[in-house]
PDB file of N, CA and C in Angstrom:
ATOM      1  N   MET A   1       1.039  -1.267  -0.008  1.00  0.00           N
ATOM      2  CA  MET A   1       0.196  -0.128   0.039  1.00  0.00           C
ATOM      3  C   MET A   1       1.066   0.850  -0.095  1.00  0.00           C
ATOM      4  N   GLY A   2       0.471   2.440  -1.207  1.00  0.00           N
ATOM      5  CA  GLY A   2       1.470   3.385  -1.268  1.00  0.00           C
ATOM      6  C   GLY A   2       0.636   4.596  -0.360  1.00  0.00           C
ATOM      7  N   PRO A   3       1.335   5.819  -0.420  1.00  0.00           N
ATOM      8  CA  PRO A   3       0.821   6.680   0.438  1.00  0.00           C
ATOM      9  C   PRO A   3      -0.550   7.371   0.068  1.00  0.00           C
ATOM     10  N   LEU A   4      -1.328   7.641   0.766  1.00  0.00           N
ATOM     11  CA  LEU A   4      -2.599   7.938   0.785  1.00  0.00           C
ATOM     12  C   LEU A   4      -3.511   6.615   0.942  1.00  0.00           C
ATOM     13  N   GLY A   5      -3.265   5.394   1.277  1.00  0.00           N
ATOM     14  CA  GLY A   5      -3.778   4.514   1.078  1.00  0.00           C
ATOM     15  C   GLY A   5      -4.414   3.941  -0.362  1.00  0.00           C
ATOM     16  N   ARG A   6      -3.358   4.697  -1.146  1.00  0.00           N
ATOM     17  CA  ARG A   6      -3.842   4.033  -2.817  1.00  0.00           C
ATOM     18  C   ARG A   6      -2.766   2.714  -2.888  1.00  0.00           C
ATOM     19  N   LEU A   7      -2.967   2.188  -4.089  1.00  0.00           N
ATOM     20  CA  LEU A   7      -2.097   0.700  -4.355  1.00  0.00           C
ATOM     21  C   LEU A   7      -1.341   1.209  -6.101  1.00  0.00           C
ATOM     22  N   PHE A   8      -0.275   0.914  -5.944  1.00  0.00           N
ATOM     23  CA  PHE A   8       0.433   1.236  -7.307  1.00  0.00           C
ATOM     24  C   PHE A   8       0.942   0.197  -7.790  1.00  0.00           C
ATOM     25  N   GLY A   9       1.541   0.249  -9.092  1.00  0.00           N
ATOM     26  CA  GLY A   9       1.821  -1.009  -9.738  1.00  0.00           C
ATOM     27  C   GLY A   9       2.460  -0.564 -10.962  1.00  0.00           C
ATOM     28  N   THR A  10       3.215  -1.378 -12.013  1.00  0.00           N
ATOM     29  CA  THR A  10       3.382  -0.928 -13.606  1.00  0.00           C
ATOM     30  C   THR A  10       2.605  -1.948 -14.388  1.00  0.00           C
ATOM     31  N   THR A  11       2.915  -1.668 -15.438  1.00  0.00           N
ATOM     32  CA  THR A  11       2.406  -2.499 -16.627  1.00  0.00           C
ATOM     33  C   THR A  11       3.629  -2.226 -17.909  1.00  0.00           C
ATOM     34  N   TYR A  12       3.907  -3.402 -18.908  1.00  0.00           N
ATOM     35  CA  TYR A  12       4.710  -4.097 -19.469  1.00  0.00           C
ATOM     36  C   TYR A  12       4.487  -3.053 -20.742  1.00  0.00           C
ATOM     37  N   VAL A  13       3.060  -3.109 -21.088  1.00  0.00           N
ATOM     38  CA  VAL A  13       3.476  -1.850 -22.425  1.00  0.00           C
ATOM     39  C   VAL A  13       2.262  -1.140 -22.068  1.00  0.00           C
ATOM     40  N   GLY A  14       1.433   0.001 -22.907  1.00  0.00           N
ATOM     41  CA  GLY A  14       0.889   1.241 -22.750  1.00  0.00           C
ATOM     42  C   GLY A  14       1.428   2.199 -22.824  1.00  0.00           C
ATOM     43  N   GLY A  15       0.697   3.436 -22.918  1.00  0.00           N
ATOM     44  CA  GLY A  15       1.136   4.693 -22.495  1.00  0.00           C
ATOM     45  C   GLY A  15       2.081   5.156 -23.616  1.00  0.00           C
ATOM     46  N   ILE A  16       3.112   6.373 -23.415  1.00  0.00           N
ATOM     47  CA  ILE A  16       3.398   6.884 -24.239  1.00  0.00           C
ATOM     48  C   ILE A  16       4.586   5.714 -24.800  1.00  0.00           C
ATOM     49  N   GLY A  17       4.796   5.957 -26.258  1.00  0.00           N
ATOM     50  CA  GLY A  17       5.627   4.495 -26.750  1.00  0.00           C
ATOM     51  C   GLY A  17       5.174   3.020 -26.797  1.00  0.00           C
ATOM     52  N   ASN A  18       4.208   2.786 -25.890  1.00  0.00           N
ATOM     53  CA  ASN A  18       4.300   1.670 -25.870  1.00  0.00           C
ATOM     54  C   ASN A  18       4.987   0.811 -24.686  1.00  0.00           C
ATOM     55  N   LEU A  19       5.838   1.786 -23.816  1.00  0.00           N
ATOM     56  CA  LEU A  19       6.903   1.065 -23.203  1.00  0.00           C
ATOM     57  C   LEU A  19       6.273   0.837 -21.504  1.00  0.00           C
ATOM     58  N   GLY A  20       5.176   1.228 -21.472  1.00  0.00           N
ATOM     59  CA  GLY A  20       4.500   0.949 -20.248  1.00  0.00           C
ATOM     60  C   GLY A  20       4.140   2.359 -19.241  1.00  0.00           C
ATOM     61  N   THR A  21       3.599   1.901 -17.954  1.00  0.00           N
ATOM     62  CA  THR A  21       2.866   2.927 -17.014  1.00  0.00           C
ATOM     63  C   THR A  21       3.352   2.500 -15.822  1.00  0.00           C
ATOM     64  N   VAL A  22       3.194   3.472 -14.859  1.00  0.00           N
ATOM     65  CA  VAL A  22       2.921   3.521 -13.550  1.00  0.00           C
ATOM     66  C   VAL A  22       1.656   4.096 -13.426  1.00  0.00           C
ATOM     67  N   TYR A  23       0.921   2.927 -12.094  1.00  0.00           N
ATOM     68  CA  TYR A  23      -0.650   3.663 -12.055  1.00  0.00           C
ATOM     69  C   TYR A  23      -1.124   3.516 -10.494  1.00  0.00           C
ATOM     70  N   ALA A  24      -2.025   4.223 -10.071  1.00  0.00           N
ATOM     71  CA  ALA A  24      -2.333   4.317  -8.920  1.00  0.00           C
ATOM     72  C   ALA A  24      -3.915   3.504  -9.094  1.00  0.00           C
ATOM     73  N   LEU A  25      -3.776   3.202  -8.181  1.00  0.00           N
ATOM     74  CA  LEU A  25      -5.635   2.472  -7.826  1.00  0.00           C
ATOM     75  C   LEU A  25      -6.222   2.934  -6.929  1.00  0.00           C
ATOM     76  N   THR A  26      -7.203   3.541  -6.716  1.00  0.00           N
ATOM     77  CA  THR A  26      -7.584   4.197  -5.116  1.00  0.00           C
ATOM     78  C   THR A  26      -9.440   3.893  -5.444  1.00  0.00           C
ATOM     79  N   LYS A  27      -8.977   3.115  -4.101  1.00  0.00           N
ATOM     80  CA  LYS A  27     -11.198   3.192  -4.115  1.00  0.00           C
ATOM     81  C   LYS A  27     -11.951   3.961  -4.065  1.00  0.00           C
ATOM     82  N   SER A  28     -13.089   3.644  -4.573  1.00  0.00           N
ATOM     83  CA  SER A  28     -14.335   4.786  -4.350  1.00  0.00           C
ATOM     84  C   SER A  28     -14.877   4.780  -2.911  1.00  0.00           C
ATOM     85  N   GLU A  29     -15.847   5.564  -2.460  1.00  0.00           N
ATOM     86  CA  GLU A  29     -16.377   5.421  -1.678  1.00  0.00           C
ATOM     87  C   GLU A  29     -17.957   4.152  -1.828  1.00  0.00           C
ATOM     88  N   ALA A  30     -18.335   3.928  -3.154  1.00  0.00           N
ATOM     89  CA  ALA A  30     -18.880   3.266  -3.687  1.00  0.00           C
ATOM     90  C   ALA A  30     -18.372   1.305  -3.358  1.00  0.00           C
ATOM     91  N   GLY A  31     -16.873   1.429  -3.433  1.00  0.00           N
ATOM     92  CA  GLY A  31     -16.300   0.437  -3.242  1.00  0.00           C
ATOM     93  C   GLY A  31     -15.259  -0.318  -4.572  1.00  0.00           C
ATOM     94  N   GLN A  32     -15.864   0.696  -5.981  1.00  0.00           N
ATOM     95  CA  GLN A  32     -14.936   0.426  -7.330  1.00  0.00           C
ATOM     96  C   GLN A  32     -13.506   0.731  -7.004  1.00  0.00           C
ATOM     97  N   TRP A  33     -12.612   0.294  -7.821  1.00  0.00           N
ATOM     98  CA  TRP A  33     -11.663   0.548  -8.004  1.00  0.00           C
ATOM     99  C   TRP A  33     -11.211   1.776  -8.969  1.00  0.00           C
ATOM    100  N   ASN A  34     -10.722   2.781  -8.969  1.00  0.00           N
ATOM    101  CA  ASN A  34     -10.206   3.903 -10.187  1.00  0.00           C
ATOM    102  C   ASN A  34      -8.760   3.823 -10.374  1.00  0.00           C
ATOM    103  N   THR A  35      -8.583   3.976 -11.601  1.00  0.00           N
ATOM    104  CA  THR A  35      -6.935   3.632 -11.948  1.00  0.00           C
ATOM    105  C   THR A  35      -6.524   4.772 -12.664  1.00  0.00           C
ATOM    106  N   THR A  36      -5.477   5.719 -12.296  1.00  0.00           N
ATOM    107  CA  THR A  36      -4.685   6.545 -12.896  1.00  0.00           C
ATOM    108  C   THR A  36      -3.762   6.210 -13.239  1.00  0.00           C
ATOM    109  N   ALA A  37      -3.100   6.666 -14.579  1.00  0.00           N
ATOM    110  CA  ALA A  37      -1.816   6.413 -15.054  1.00  0.00           C
ATOM    111  C   ALA A  37      -1.294   7.340 -14.522  1.00  0.00           C
ATOM    112  N   ILE A  38      -0.463   7.729 -13.670  1.00  0.00           N
ATOM    113  CA  ILE A  38       0.890   8.559 -13.259  1.00  0.00           C
ATOM    114  C   ILE A  38       1.947   8.852 -14.062  1.00  0.00           C
ATOM    115  N   TYR A  39       2.194   8.052 -14.284  1.00  0.00           N
ATOM    116  CA  TYR A  39       3.660   8.186 -15.153  1.00  0.00           C
ATOM    117  C   TYR A  39       3.983   7.032 -16.501  1.00  0.00           C
ATOM    118  N   SER A  40       4.339   7.525 -17.760  1.00  0.00           N
ATOM    119  CA  SER A  40       4.891   6.803 -18.916  1.00  0.00           C
ATOM    120  C   SER A  40       6.212   6.378 -18.963  1.00  0.00           C
ATOM    121  N   SER A  41       6.703   5.547 -19.487  1.00  0.00           N
ATOM    122  CA  SER A  41       8.088   5.090 -19.328  1.00  0.00           C
ATOM    123  C   SER A  41       8.768   5.993 -20.814  1.00  0.00           C
ATOM    124  N   PHE A  42       9.618   6.771 -20.848  1.00  0.00           N
ATOM    125  CA  PHE A  42      10.008   7.297 -21.963  1.00  0.00           C
ATOM    126  C   PHE A  42      11.417   6.420 -22.461  1.00  0.00           C
ATOM    127  N   SER A  43      11.674   5.440 -21.757  1.00  0.00           N
ATOM    128  CA  SER A  43      13.594   5.283 -21.855  1.00  0.00           C
ATOM    129  C   SER A  43      13.340   3.620 -21.774  1.00  0.00           C
ATOM    130  N   GLY A  44      11.950   2.964 -21.591  1.00  0.00           N
ATOM    131  CA  GLY A  44      12.497   1.145 -21.454  1.00  0.00           C
ATOM    132  C   GLY A  44      11.184   1.053 -20.646  1.00  0.00           C
ATOM    133  N   ASN A  45      10.912  -0.281 -20.864  1.00  0.00           N
ATOM    134  CA  ASN A  45       9.556  -0.787 -20.750  1.00  0.00           C
ATOM    135  C   ASN A  45       9.665  -1.284 -18.920  1.00  0.00           C
ATOM    136  N   LEU A  46       8.720  -0.895 -18.462  1.00  0.00           N
ATOM    137  CA  LEU A  46       8.584  -1.420 -17.047  1.00  0.00           C
ATOM    138  C   LEU A  46       8.160  -2.441 -16.911  1.00  0.00           C
ATOM    139  N   ASP A  47       8.718  -3.294 -15.763  1.00  0.00           N
ATOM    140  CA  ASP A  47       8.148  -4.314 -15.498  1.00  0.00           C
ATOM    141  C   ASP A  47       8.576  -5.028 -14.336  1.00  0.00           C
ATOM    142  N   ALA A  48       8.746  -4.226 -13.082  1.00  0.00           N
ATOM    143  CA  ALA A  48       9.061  -4.275 -11.634  1.00  0.00           C
ATOM    144  C   ALA A  48       8.237  -3.790 -10.632  1.00  0.00           C
ATOM    145  N   PRO A  49       7.900  -4.307  -9.696  1.00  0.00           N
ATOM    146  CA  PRO A  49       7.064  -3.178  -8.777  1.00  0.00           C
ATOM    147  C   PRO A  49       7.429  -2.105  -8.345  1.00  0.00           C
ATOM    148  N   VAL A  50       6.846  -1.499  -7.330  1.00  0.00           N
ATOM    149  CA  VAL A  50       7.480  -0.470  -7.041  1.00  0.00           C
ATOM    150  C   VAL A  50       7.500  -0.185  -5.475  1.00  0.00           C
ATOM    151  N   MET A  51       8.438   0.616  -5.027  1.00  0.00           N
ATOM    152  CA  MET A  51       8.993   0.636  -4.009  1.00  0.00           C
ATOM    153  C   MET A  51       8.437   2.080  -3.230  1.00  0.00           C
ATOM    154  N   PHE A  52       8.647   2.647  -1.846  1.00  0.00           N
ATOM    155  CA  PHE A  52       8.612   3.895  -1.285  1.00  0.00           C
ATOM    156  C   PHE A  52      10.019   4.179  -0.506  1.00  0.00           C
ATOM    157  N   ASP A  53       9.955   5.204  -0.098  1.00  0.00           N
ATOM    158  CA  ASP A  53      11.085   5.562   0.883  1.00  0.00           C
ATOM    159  C   ASP A  53      10.274   6.208   1.673  1.00  0.00           C
ATOM    160  N   PRO A  54      10.785   6.996   2.963  1.00  0.00           N
ATOM    161  CA  PRO A  54       9.877   7.452   3.999  1.00  0.00           C
ATOM    162  C   PRO A  54       9.196   8.825   3.636  1.00  0.00           C
ATOM    163  N   ALA A  55      10.169   9.569   2.537  1.00  0.00           N
ATOM    164  CA  ALA A  55       9.424  10.581   2.210  1.00  0.00           C
ATOM    165  C   ALA A  55       8.264  10.537   1.232  1.00  0.00           C
ATOM    166  N   GLY A  56       7.670   9.031   0.392  1.00  0.00           N
ATOM    167  CA  GLY A  56       7.081   9.009  -0.323  1.00  0.00           C
ATOM    168  C   GLY A  56       7.401   8.985  -1.815  1.00  0.00           C
ATOM    169  N   ASN A  57       8.994   8.862  -1.961  1.00  0.00           N
ATOM    170  CA  ASN A  57       9.478   8.821  -3.153  1.00  0.00           C
ATOM    171  C   ASN A  57       9.152   7.393  -3.749  1.00  0.00           C
ATOM    172  N   LEU A  58       8.601   7.206  -5.196  1.00  0.00           N
ATOM    173  CA  LEU A  58       8.156   5.914  -5.645  1.00  0.00           C
ATOM    174  C   LEU A  58       9.384   5.399  -6.494  1.00  0.00           C
ATOM    175  N   PHE A  59       9.929   4.335  -6.365  1.00  0.00           N
ATOM    176  CA  PHE A  59      11.066   4.118  -7.134  1.00  0.00           C
ATOM    177  C   PHE A  59      10.873   2.492  -8.038  1.00  0.00           C
ATOM    178  N   SER A  60      11.385   2.258  -9.166  1.00  0.00           N
ATOM    179  CA  SER A  60      10.968   1.091  -9.672  1.00  0.00           C
ATOM    180  C   SER A  60      11.944   1.112 -11.015  1.00  0.00           C
ATOM    181  N   THR A  61      12.269  -0.079 -11.731  1.00  0.00           N
ATOM    182  CA  THR A  61      13.011  -0.440 -12.830  1.00  0.00           C
ATOM    183  C   THR A  61      12.628  -0.149 -14.067  1.00  0.00           C
ATOM    184  N   THR A  62      13.509  -0.334 -15.200  1.00  0.00           N
ATOM    185  CA  THR A  62      12.742  -0.847 -16.629  1.00  0.00           C
ATOM    186  C   THR A  62      13.851  -1.837 -16.884  1.00  0.00           C
ATOM    187  N   ARG A  63      13.231  -2.543 -17.685  1.00  0.00           N
ATOM    188  CA  ARG A  63      14.124  -3.600 -18.437  1.00  0.00           C
ATOM    189  C   ARG A  63      15.155  -3.170 -19.185  1.00  0.00           C
ATOM    190  N   ILE A  64      14.624  -2.093 -20.195  1.00  0.00           N
ATOM    191  CA  ILE A  64      15.850  -1.871 -21.324  1.00  0.00           C
ATOM    192  C   ILE A  64      15.782  -0.021 -21.234  1.00  0.00           C
ATOM    193  N   GLY A  65      16.654   0.784 -21.838  1.00  0.00           N
ATOM    194  CA  GLY A  65      17.253   2.026 -21.711  1.00  0.00           C
ATOM    195  C   GLY A  65      18.448   2.030 -20.883  1.00  0.00           C
ATOM    196  N   GLY A  66      18.488   3.224 -20.137  1.00  0.00           N
ATOM    197  CA  GLY A  66      19.818   3.530 -19.590  1.00  0.00           C
ATOM    198  C   GLY A  66      21.011   3.229 -20.200  1.00  0.00           C
ATOM    199  N   ASN A  67      22.170   2.775 -19.561  1.00  0.00           N
ATOM    200  CA  ASN A  67      23.431   3.044 -20.057  1.00  0.00           C
ATOM    201  C   ASN A  67      23.640   1.174 -20.821  1.00  0.00           C
ATOM    202  N   ASN A  68      24.150   1.553 -22.101  1.00  0.00           N
ATOM    203  CA  ASN A  68      24.224   0.079 -22.467  1.00  0.00           C
ATOM    204  C   ASN A  68      22.899  -0.630 -22.979  1.00  0.00           C
ATOM    205  N   ASN A  69      21.948   0.049 -22.838  1.00  0.00           N
ATOM    206  CA  ASN A  69      20.490  -0.536 -22.494  1.00  0.00           C
ATOM    207  C   ASN A  69      20.112  -1.671 -21.921  1.00  0.00           C
ATOM    208  N   LEU A  70      20.836  -1.557 -20.667  1.00  0.00           N
ATOM    209  CA  LEU A  70      20.229  -2.637 -19.817  1.00  0.00           C
ATOM    210  C   LEU A  70      19.548  -2.247 -18.672  1.00  0.00           C
ATOM    211  N   GLY A  71      19.060  -1.013 -18.740  1.00  0.00           N
ATOM    212  CA  GLY A  71      17.934  -1.052 -17.999  1.00  0.00           C
ATOM    213  C   GLY A  71      18.125   0.540 -17.428  1.00  0.00           C
ATOM    214  N   SER A  72      17.194   0.836 -16.073  1.00  0.00           N
ATOM    215  CA  SER A  72      17.183   1.808 -15.608  1.00  0.00           C
ATOM    216  C   SER A  72      16.712   1.816 -14.081  1.00  0.00           C
ATOM    217  N   VAL A  73      17.275   2.551 -13.036  1.00  0.00           N
ATOM    218  CA  VAL A  73      16.351   2.852 -12.364  1.00  0.00           C
ATOM    219  C   VAL A  73      15.455   4.334 -11.992  1.00  0.00           C
ATOM    220  N   PHE A  74      14.723   4.432 -11.662  1.00  0.00           N
ATOM    221  CA  PHE A  74      13.799   6.024 -11.905  1.00  0.00           C
ATOM    222  C   PHE A  74      12.965   6.055 -10.634  1.00  0.00           C
ATOM    223  N   GLU A  75      13.062   7.520 -10.294  1.00  0.00           N
ATOM    224  CA  GLU A  75      12.220   7.771  -9.068  1.00  0.00           C
ATOM    225  C   GLU A  75      11.213   9.278  -9.316  1.00  0.00           C
ATOM    226  N   ILE A  76       9.740   8.865  -8.971  1.00  0.00           N
ATOM    227  CA  ILE A  76       8.765   9.667  -8.948  1.00  0.00           C
ATOM    228  C   ILE A  76       8.738  10.059  -7.545  1.00  0.00           C
ATOM    229  N   THR A  77       8.721  11.170  -7.575  1.00  0.00           N
ATOM    230  CA  THR A  77       8.396  12.054  -6.225  1.00  0.00           C
ATOM    231  C   THR A  77       6.864  12.950  -6.339  1.00  0.00           C
ATOM    232  N   PRO A  78       6.309  12.903  -5.326  1.00  0.00           N
ATOM    233  CA  PRO A  78       5.003  13.331  -4.961  1.00  0.00           C
ATOM    234  C   PRO A  78       4.730  14.768  -5.206  1.00  0.00           C
TER     235      PRO A  78
END
């Protein structure tokens, strides 16, 4: 569970360039889940779980991109 009671995850495809997205799920008062894309990868396919630090920054990795196209670590700040 991420900040503010939301669930976060990644997709391998979709978003800009079809390289994946980071999304947030928020439960409505009616009990239905609403999905919001919060980031589209520009450098490589997203395919890993997300982690948070104590300040609420989100971290994950990409499969490709970065130096020598071997993947990268990225951070999303609140």
